[in-house]
C-alpha atoms as a PDB file:
ATOM      1  CA  UNK A   1      28.137  -7.586 -54.377  1.00  0.00           C
ATOM      2  CA  UNK A   2      31.223  -7.426 -56.569  1.00  0.00           C
ATOM      3  CA  UNK A   3      34.281  -5.838 -55.013  1.00  0.00           C
ATOM      4  CA  UNK A   4      36.092  -3.276 -57.093  1.00  0.00           C
ATOM      5  CA  UNK A   5      39.896  -3.355 -56.948  1.00  0.00           C
ATOM      6  CA  UNK A   6      41.427   0.072 -56.498  1.00  0.00           C
ATOM      7  CA  UNK A   7      45.154   0.019 -57.470  1.00  0.00           C
ATOM      8  CA  UNK A   8      45.701   3.167 -55.386  1.00  0.00           C
ATOM      9  CA  UNK A   9      45.061   1.117 -52.281  1.00  0.00           C
ATOM     10  CA  UNK A  10      47.486  -1.630 -53.264  1.00  0.00           C
ATOM     11  CA  UNK A  11      50.847  -1.570 -51.491  1.00  0.00           C
ATOM     12  CA  UNK A  12      53.625  -3.648 -53.011  1.00  0.00           C
ATOM     13  CA  UNK A  13      55.770  -5.625 -50.632  1.00  0.00           C
ATOM     14  CA  UNK A  14      59.407  -4.504 -50.478  1.00  0.00           C
ATOM     15  CA  UNK A  15      62.024  -6.835 -51.967  1.00  0.00           C
ATOM     16  CA  UNK A  16      63.332  -9.558 -49.698  1.00  0.00           C
ATOM     17  CA  UNK A  17      67.071  -9.730 -49.047  1.00  0.00           C
ATOM     18  CA  UNK A  18      68.620 -13.163 -49.604  1.00  0.00           C
ATOM     19  CA  UNK A  19      72.194 -14.288 -48.956  1.00  0.00           C
ATOM     20  CA  UNK A  20      73.721 -16.522 -51.624  1.00  0.00           C
ATOM     21  CA  UNK A  21      77.139 -18.106 -51.181  1.00  0.00           C
ATOM     22  CA  UNK A  22      79.514 -20.602 -52.711  1.00  0.00           C
ATOM     23  CA  UNK A  23      82.731 -21.976 -51.226  1.00  0.00           C
ATOM     24  CA  UNK A  24      85.392 -24.278 -52.641  1.00  0.00           C
ATOM     25  CA  UNK A  25      89.003 -25.267 -52.046  1.00  0.00           C
ATOM     26  CA  UNK A  26      91.613 -27.520 -53.588  1.00  0.00           C
ATOM     27  CA  UNK A  27      95.115 -28.672 -52.797  1.00  0.00           C
ATOM     28  CA  UNK A  28      96.413 -29.856 -49.453  1.00  0.00           C
ATOM     29  CA  UNK A  29      94.315 -30.018 -46.315  1.00  0.00           C
ATOM     30  CA  UNK A  30      95.819 -27.198 -44.260  1.00  0.00           C
ATOM     31  CA  UNK A  31      93.076 -24.824 -45.450  1.00  0.00           C
ATOM     32  CA  UNK A  32      89.502 -25.173 -44.176  1.00  0.00           C
ATOM     33  CA  UNK A  33      86.253 -23.432 -45.148  1.00  0.00           C
ATOM     34  CA  UNK A  34      83.162 -23.762 -42.987  1.00  0.00           C
ATOM     35  CA  UNK A  35      79.931 -21.893 -42.345  1.00  0.00           C
ATOM     36  CA  UNK A  36      76.806 -21.820 -40.191  1.00  0.00           C
ATOM     37  CA  UNK A  37      73.706 -21.287 -42.345  1.00  0.00           C
ATOM     38  CA  UNK A  38      74.113 -17.985 -44.194  1.00  0.00           C
ATOM     39  CA  UNK A  39      75.222 -16.119 -41.060  1.00  0.00           C
ATOM     40  CA  UNK A  40      78.830 -16.996 -40.273  1.00  0.00           C
ATOM     41  CA  UNK A  41      81.695 -17.947 -42.574  1.00  0.00           C
ATOM     42  CA  UNK A  42      85.111 -19.178 -41.429  1.00  0.00           C
ATOM     43  CA  UNK A  43      88.368 -19.569 -43.365  1.00  0.00           C
ATOM     44  CA  UNK A  44      91.455 -21.030 -41.676  1.00  0.00           C
ATOM     45  CA  UNK A  45      94.910 -21.625 -43.136  1.00  0.00           C
ATOM     46  CA  UNK A  46      97.625 -23.381 -41.138  1.00  0.00           C
ATOM     47  CA  UNK A  47     100.982 -21.586 -40.899  1.00  0.00           C
ATOM     48  CA  UNK A  48     103.272 -23.641 -43.136  1.00  0.00           C
ATOM     49  CA  UNK A  49     106.504 -22.616 -41.393  1.00  0.00           C
ATOM     50  CA  UNK A  50     105.350 -24.387 -38.217  1.00  0.00           C
ATOM     51  CA  UNK A  51     104.525 -28.059 -37.686  1.00  0.00           C
ATOM     52  CA  UNK A  52     100.938 -29.335 -37.507  1.00  0.00           C
ATOM     53  CA  UNK A  53      99.486 -26.678 -39.819  1.00  0.00           C
ATOM     54  CA  UNK A  54      96.651 -28.994 -40.838  1.00  0.00           C
ATOM     55  CA  UNK A  55      95.725 -29.794 -37.223  1.00  0.00           C
ATOM     56  CA  UNK A  56      95.797 -26.099 -36.289  1.00  0.00           C
ATOM     57  CA  UNK A  57      93.569 -25.067 -39.209  1.00  0.00           C
ATOM     58  CA  UNK A  58      91.026 -27.821 -38.581  1.00  0.00           C
ATOM     59  CA  UNK A  59      90.852 -27.143 -34.844  1.00  0.00           C
ATOM     60  CA  UNK A  60      90.501 -23.390 -35.401  1.00  0.00           C
ATOM     61  CA  UNK A  61      87.738 -23.907 -37.969  1.00  0.00           C
ATOM     62  CA  UNK A  62      85.739 -26.134 -35.636  1.00  0.00           C
ATOM     63  CA  UNK A  63      86.303 -23.937 -32.575  1.00  0.00           C
ATOM     64  CA  UNK A  64      85.466 -20.635 -34.266  1.00  0.00           C
ATOM     65  CA  UNK A  65      82.195 -21.999 -35.641  1.00  0.00           C
ATOM     66  CA  UNK A  66      81.308 -23.542 -32.277  1.00  0.00           C
ATOM     67  CA  UNK A  67      82.090 -20.267 -30.501  1.00  0.00           C
ATOM     68  CA  UNK A  68      79.834 -18.329 -32.881  1.00  0.00           C
ATOM     69  CA  UNK A  69      76.907 -20.690 -32.400  1.00  0.00           C
ATOM     70  CA  UNK A  70      77.239 -20.668 -28.608  1.00  0.00           C
ATOM     71  CA  UNK A  71      78.298 -17.092 -27.815  1.00  0.00           C
ATOM     72  CA  UNK A  72      75.787 -15.418 -30.153  1.00  0.00           C
ATOM     73  CA  UNK A  73      72.972 -16.678 -27.916  1.00  0.00           C
ATOM     74  CA  UNK A  74      74.016 -14.168 -25.259  1.00  0.00           C
ATOM     75  CA  UNK A  75      72.180 -10.912 -25.891  1.00  0.00           C
ATOM     76  CA  UNK A  76      75.165  -8.675 -25.082  1.00  0.00           C
ATOM     77  CA  UNK A  77      77.180 -10.291 -27.883  1.00  0.00           C
ATOM     78  CA  UNK A  78      74.324 -10.480 -30.384  1.00  0.00           C
ATOM     79  CA  UNK A  79      73.801  -6.702 -30.283  1.00  0.00           C
ATOM     80  CA  UNK A  80      77.550  -5.982 -30.326  1.00  0.00           C
ATOM     81  CA  UNK A  81      79.070  -7.968 -33.182  1.00  0.00           C
ATOM     82  CA  UNK A  82      82.550  -6.496 -32.712  1.00  0.00           C
ATOM     83  CA  UNK A  83      82.605  -7.935 -29.187  1.00  0.00           C
ATOM     84  CA  UNK A  84      81.337 -11.222 -30.627  1.00  0.00           C
ATOM     85  CA  UNK A  85      84.235 -11.256 -33.104  1.00  0.00           C
ATOM     86  CA  UNK A  86      86.682 -10.494 -30.295  1.00  0.00           C
ATOM     87  CA  UNK A  87      85.294 -13.351 -28.164  1.00  0.00           C
ATOM     88  CA  UNK A  88      85.471 -15.836 -31.062  1.00  0.00           C
ATOM     89  CA  UNK A  89      89.135 -15.017 -31.672  1.00  0.00           C
ATOM     90  CA  UNK A  90      90.046 -15.156 -27.987  1.00  0.00           C
ATOM     91  CA  UNK A  91      88.366 -18.540 -27.497  1.00  0.00           C
ATOM     92  CA  UNK A  92      89.883 -20.010 -30.655  1.00  0.00           C
ATOM     93  CA  UNK A  93      93.370 -18.683 -29.931  1.00  0.00           C
ATOM     94  CA  UNK A  94      93.387 -20.157 -26.420  1.00  0.00           C
ATOM     95  CA  UNK A  95      92.234 -23.506 -27.812  1.00  0.00           C
ATOM     96  CA  UNK A  96      95.099 -23.556 -30.324  1.00  0.00           C
ATOM     97  CA  UNK A  97      97.614 -22.486 -27.656  1.00  0.00           C
ATOM     98  CA  UNK A  98      96.508 -25.196 -25.228  1.00  0.00           C
ATOM     99  CA  UNK A  99      96.796 -27.843 -27.928  1.00  0.00           C
ATOM    100  CA  UNK A 100     100.603 -27.708 -27.582  1.00  0.00           C
ATOM    101  CA  UNK A 101     100.263 -29.307 -24.152  1.00  0.00           C
ATOM    102  CA  UNK A 102      99.162 -32.537 -25.783  1.00  0.00           C
ATOM    103  CA  UNK A 103     101.752 -35.216 -26.686  1.00  0.00           C
ATOM    104  CA  UNK A 104     103.289 -34.605 -30.091  1.00  0.00           C
ATOM    105  CA  UNK A 105     102.385 -30.913 -30.278  1.00  0.00           C
ATOM    106  CA  UNK A 106     105.060 -29.451 -28.026  1.00  0.00           C
ATOM    107  CA  UNK A 107     106.786 -27.678 -30.932  1.00  0.00           C
ATOM    108  CA  UNK A 108     103.721 -25.496 -31.327  1.00  0.00           C
ATOM    109  CA  UNK A 109     101.160 -24.914 -34.046  1.00  0.00           C
ATOM    110  CA  UNK A 110      99.533 -21.855 -35.579  1.00  0.00           C
ATOM    111  CA  UNK A 111      96.928 -20.828 -38.135  1.00  0.00           C
ATOM    112  CA  UNK A 112      95.340 -17.842 -39.810  1.00  0.00           C
ATOM    113  CA  UNK A 113      91.678 -17.181 -39.014  1.00  0.00           C
ATOM    114  CA  UNK A 114      89.169 -15.134 -41.007  1.00  0.00           C
ATOM    115  CA  UNK A 115      85.575 -14.805 -39.775  1.00  0.00           C
ATOM    116  CA  UNK A 116      82.707 -13.006 -41.528  1.00  0.00           C
ATOM    117  CA  UNK A 117      79.349 -12.516 -39.762  1.00  0.00           C
ATOM    118  CA  UNK A 118      76.492 -11.388 -42.010  1.00  0.00           C
ATOM    119  CA  UNK A 119      73.715  -9.275 -40.515  1.00  0.00           C
ATOM    120  CA  UNK A 120      70.554  -7.668 -41.972  1.00  0.00           C
ATOM    121  CA  UNK A 121      72.325  -4.706 -43.613  1.00  0.00           C
ATOM    122  CA  UNK A 122      75.955  -5.137 -42.679  1.00  0.00           C
ATOM    123  CA  UNK A 123      78.832  -7.584 -42.304  1.00  0.00           C
ATOM    124  CA  UNK A 124      81.380  -7.843 -39.494  1.00  0.00           C
ATOM    125  CA  UNK A 125      84.814  -9.256 -40.238  1.00  0.00           C
ATOM    126  CA  UNK A 126      87.640 -10.450 -38.032  1.00  0.00           C
ATOM    127  CA  UNK A 127      91.040 -11.408 -39.387  1.00  0.00           C
ATOM    128  CA  UNK A 128      94.419 -12.531 -38.072  1.00  0.00           C
ATOM    129  CA  UNK A 129      97.018 -13.974 -40.421  1.00  0.00           C
ATOM    130  CA  UNK A 130      97.480 -13.986 -44.171  1.00  0.00           C
ATOM    131  CA  UNK A 131      93.995 -14.572 -45.610  1.00  0.00           C
ATOM    132  CA  UNK A 132      92.210 -11.673 -47.324  1.00  0.00           C
ATOM    133  CA  UNK A 133      88.724 -10.183 -47.627  1.00  0.00           C
ATOM    134  CA  UNK A 134      87.618  -8.251 -50.719  1.00  0.00           C
ATOM    135  CA  UNK A 135      84.469  -6.118 -51.017  1.00  0.00           C
ATOM    136  CA  UNK A 136      82.735  -5.902 -54.413  1.00  0.00           C
ATOM    137  CA  UNK A 137      80.392  -2.944 -55.025  1.00  0.00           C
ATOM    138  CA  UNK A 138      79.295  -1.140 -58.185  1.00  0.00           C
ATOM    139  CA  UNK A 139      81.732  -3.131 -60.307  1.00  0.00           C
ATOM    140  CA  UNK A 140      84.702  -2.198 -58.114  1.00  0.00           C
ATOM    141  CA  UNK A 141      86.701  -4.612 -55.950  1.00  0.00           C
ATOM    142  CA  UNK A 142      88.780  -3.483 -52.991  1.00  0.00           C
ATOM    143  CA  UNK A 143      90.618  -5.367 -50.280  1.00  0.00           C
ATOM    144  CA  UNK A 144      89.353  -4.412 -46.827  1.00  0.00           C
ATOM    145  CA  UNK A 145      91.665  -6.510 -44.650  1.00  0.00           C
ATOM    146  CA  UNK A 146      95.440  -6.528 -44.472  1.00  0.00           C
ATOM    147  CA  UNK A 147      97.774  -9.498 -44.383  1.00  0.00           C
ATOM    148  CA  UNK A 148      99.736  -9.902 -41.162  1.00  0.00           C
ATOM    149  CA  UNK A 149     103.175 -10.506 -42.651  1.00  0.00           C
ATOM    150  CA  UNK A 150     106.407  -8.589 -43.141  1.00  0.00           C
ATOM    151  CA  UNK A 151     108.212  -7.603 -46.355  1.00  0.00           C
ATOM    152  CA  UNK A 152     109.754 -11.060 -46.656  1.00  0.00           C
ATOM    153  CA  UNK A 153     106.368 -12.797 -46.400  1.00  0.00           C
ATOM    154  CA  UNK A 154     106.931 -14.066 -42.846  1.00  0.00           C
ATOM    155  CA  UNK A 155     103.710 -14.308 -40.843  1.00  0.00           C
ATOM    156  CA  UNK A 156     103.740 -11.770 -37.992  1.00  0.00           C
ATOM    157  CA  UNK A 157     100.378 -12.551 -36.399  1.00  0.00           C
ATOM    158  CA  UNK A 158      98.378 -15.768 -36.177  1.00  0.00           C
ATOM    159  CA  UNK A 159      96.442 -17.863 -33.700  1.00  0.00           C
ATOM    160  CA  UNK A 160      98.769 -19.946 -31.553  1.00  0.00           C
ATOM    161  CA  UNK A 161     101.719 -17.529 -31.554  1.00  0.00           C
ATOM    162  CA  UNK A 162     100.971 -16.345 -28.013  1.00  0.00           C
ATOM    163  CA  UNK A 163      98.540 -17.221 -25.248  1.00  0.00           C
ATOM    164  CA  UNK A 164      97.131 -13.742 -24.642  1.00  0.00           C
ATOM    165  CA  UNK A 165      97.150 -10.397 -26.385  1.00  0.00           C
ATOM    166  CA  UNK A 166      95.991 -11.410 -29.867  1.00  0.00           C
ATOM    167  CA  UNK A 167      94.639  -8.245 -31.541  1.00  0.00           C
ATOM    168  CA  UNK A 168      92.700  -9.307 -34.616  1.00  0.00           C
ATOM    169  CA  UNK A 169      91.551  -6.851 -37.270  1.00  0.00           C
ATOM    170  CA  UNK A 170      87.870  -6.033 -36.761  1.00  0.00           C
ATOM    171  CA  UNK A 171      85.809  -4.399 -39.499  1.00  0.00           C
ATOM    172  CA  UNK A 172      82.177  -3.268 -39.758  1.00  0.00           C
ATOM    173  CA  UNK A 173      81.050  -2.872 -43.382  1.00  0.00           C
ATOM    174  CA  UNK A 174      77.665  -1.899 -44.811  1.00  0.00           C
ATOM    175  CA  UNK A 175      76.401  -4.833 -46.895  1.00  0.00           C
ATOM    176  CA  UNK A 176      73.324  -4.291 -49.078  1.00  0.00           C
ATOM    177  CA  UNK A 177      72.106  -5.675 -52.437  1.00  0.00           C
ATOM    178  CA  UNK A 178      73.860  -6.316 -54.759  1.00  0.00           C
ATOM    179  CA  UNK A 179      77.134  -6.160 -52.750  1.00  0.00           C
ATOM    180  CA  UNK A 180      79.419  -9.196 -52.612  1.00  0.00           C
ATOM    181  CA  UNK A 181      82.167 -10.354 -50.266  1.00  0.00           C
ATOM    182  CA  UNK A 182      85.125 -12.495 -51.314  1.00  0.00           C
ATOM    183  CA  UNK A 183      87.208 -14.478 -48.806  1.00  0.00           C
ATOM    184  CA  UNK A 184      90.451 -16.040 -50.080  1.00  0.00           C
ATOM    185  CA  UNK A 185      93.534 -17.661 -48.610  1.00  0.00           C
ATOM    186  CA  UNK A 186      97.063 -16.302 -49.017  1.00  0.00           C
ATOM    187  CA  UNK A 187      97.952 -18.270 -52.146  1.00  0.00           C
ATOM    188  CA  UNK A 188      95.017 -16.838 -54.091  1.00  0.00           C
ATOM    189  CA  UNK A 189      95.883 -13.363 -52.759  1.00  0.00           C
ATOM    190  CA  UNK A 190      99.470 -13.658 -53.982  1.00  0.00           C
ATOM    191  CA  UNK A 191      98.539 -15.200 -57.349  1.00  0.00           C
ATOM    192  CA  UNK A 192      95.743 -12.807 -58.351  1.00  0.00           C
ATOM    193  CA  UNK A 193      95.665  -9.068 -57.715  1.00  0.00           C
ATOM    194  CA  UNK A 194      92.489  -7.062 -57.070  1.00  0.00           C
ATOM    195  CA  UNK A 195      92.181  -6.024 -60.711  1.00  0.00           C
ATOM    196  CA  UNK A 196      92.222  -9.618 -61.956  1.00  0.00           C
ATOM    197  CA  UNK A 197      89.835 -10.800 -59.251  1.00  0.00           C
ATOM    198  CA  UNK A 198      87.510  -7.897 -60.028  1.00  0.00           C
ATOM    199  CA  UNK A 199      87.462  -8.931 -63.683  1.00  0.00           C
ATOM    200  CA  UNK A 200      86.387 -12.442 -62.713  1.00  0.00           C
ATOM    201  CA  UNK A 201      83.552 -10.971 -60.616  1.00  0.00           C
ATOM    202  CA  UNK A 202      82.425  -8.493 -63.280  1.00  0.00           C
ATOM    203  CA  UNK A 203      79.732 -10.800 -64.692  1.00  0.00           C
ATOM    204  CA  UNK A 204      78.623 -12.200 -61.324  1.00  0.00           C
ATOM    205  CA  UNK A 205      74.940 -13.124 -61.469  1.00  0.00           C
ATOM    206  CA  UNK A 206      72.234 -13.535 -58.839  1.00  0.00           C
ATOM    207  CA  UNK A 207      71.985 -17.322 -58.747  1.00  0.00           C
ATOM    208  CA  UNK A 208      73.743 -19.980 -56.720  1.00  0.00           C
ATOM    209  CA  UNK A 209      75.072 -21.518 -59.927  1.00  0.00           C
ATOM    210  CA  UNK A 210      76.593 -18.205 -61.004  1.00  0.00           C
ATOM    211  CA  UNK A 211      78.438 -17.833 -57.696  1.00  0.00           C
ATOM    212  CA  UNK A 212      79.777 -21.393 -57.869  1.00  0.00           C
ATOM    213  CA  UNK A 213      80.995 -20.873 -61.432  1.00  0.00           C
ATOM    214  CA  UNK A 214      82.804 -17.687 -60.397  1.00  0.00           C
ATOM    215  CA  UNK A 215      84.457 -19.435 -57.443  1.00  0.00           C
ATOM    216  CA  UNK A 216      85.660 -22.217 -59.728  1.00  0.00           C
ATOM    217  CA  UNK A 217      87.028 -19.664 -62.209  1.00  0.00           C
ATOM    218  CA  UNK A 218      89.011 -17.973 -59.428  1.00  0.00           C
ATOM    219  CA  UNK A 219      90.497 -21.273 -58.266  1.00  0.00           C
ATOM    220  CA  UNK A 220      91.353 -22.303 -61.837  1.00  0.00           C
ATOM    221  CA  UNK A 221      92.973 -18.937 -62.620  1.00  0.00           C
ATOM    222  CA  UNK A 222      94.873 -19.071 -59.349  1.00  0.00           C
ATOM    223  CA  UNK A 223      96.146 -22.557 -60.179  1.00  0.00           C
ATOM    224  CA  UNK A 224      97.487 -21.303 -63.501  1.00  0.00           C
ATOM    225  CA  UNK A 225      99.335 -18.560 -61.595  1.00  0.00           C
ATOM    226  CA  UNK A 226     100.900 -20.993 -59.097  1.00  0.00           C
ATOM    227  CA  UNK A 227      98.285 -21.234 -56.344  1.00  0.00           C
ATOM    228  CA  UNK A 228      98.246 -24.996 -55.737  1.00  0.00           C
ATOM    229  CA  UNK A 229      96.310 -24.624 -52.484  1.00  0.00           C
ATOM    230  CA  UNK A 230      93.383 -22.321 -53.238  1.00  0.00           C
ATOM    231  CA  UNK A 231      90.431 -21.572 -50.963  1.00  0.00           C
ATOM    232  CA  UNK A 232      87.625 -19.211 -51.994  1.00  0.00           C
ATOM    233  CA  UNK A 233      84.304 -18.215 -50.434  1.00  0.00           C
ATOM    234  CA  UNK A 234      81.986 -15.824 -52.298  1.00  0.00           C
ATOM    235  CA  UNK A 235      79.001 -14.258 -50.500  1.00  0.00           C
ATOM    236  CA  UNK A 236      76.426 -12.068 -52.265  1.00  0.00           C
ATOM    237  CA  UNK A 237      73.364 -10.222 -51.022  1.00  0.00           C
ATOM    238  CA  UNK A 238      70.525 -10.067 -53.560  1.00  0.00           C
ATOM    239  CA  UNK A 239      67.065  -8.518 -53.482  1.00  0.00           C
ATOM    240  CA  UNK A 240      64.190 -10.820 -54.507  1.00  0.00           C
ATOM    241  CA  UNK A 241      60.836  -9.348 -55.502  1.00  0.00           C
ATOM    242  CA  UNK A 242      57.872 -10.761 -53.595  1.00  0.00           C
END
C-alpha cells in the first residue's frame, strides 16, 4: 500500500547554531591568542612597561585555558559562568604573581587578560588590562569592555600587579545569530576606532574564509595606522538550516 505524504504533518527542524571563529596576530611575541574548541577564547598581552612581558603573556594564556578546561567540570561553575570567570582570573593572577619568586623574575611581570566563554545563547567575558571586546549586531559595533588605563595611557590594572584583590570586569551578553564578537589587543584599539572597525565588519559573511579575510583586513589596516603588534580574534554565531 502506497503511503501518501501529507505536508501538514511535516515539521521542519529548527536551524542549528554554529560558532565560527578566526584568530591571527603579528609583530612581537608578547601577545598570545588561544582557544579551547569553540567554547573559550583567551587573549593576553604582556605589560610593556615591566620586564618579562612575553613570559607573563604566555604563562597567562596557558594558565587561563587550563583553568577553564579543569574548573568547568565542576557543576557549580558550569551553571554560574560569572563565578567561572572569577575563578579563572584568580588562578591565573596567582600563577603570574608567584612567578616572580623564580630566579630572574624578581623585578616582577604583568599582563592583560581577556577571556570570552561562549554558551548556547550568550557569551560571558572577563577582562583586566588594556585589551578590548567589541559586540557587532545589526550592522552596529560597540565596545563592551573598558581599558584599565589612566589618561596618560599607563596601565592601572593587570594580572601580576598584586597577589590578591584583582577585580576583573565581568560581562554577560546575549549572543544569538548573526551576532559577532571581536577581541583585539591595545594597539589595534588605539589605531582603529569603533567606526572604522565596524566598517571592516560590515560585509562579514557566514563562512570561515570570510571571517579570516576580515581578521586579516583589520590587522593590515591597523598596521597602516601604526599597530605593529596586532592581535585579533573574531567570533560569529550563525544559523545553519538542517
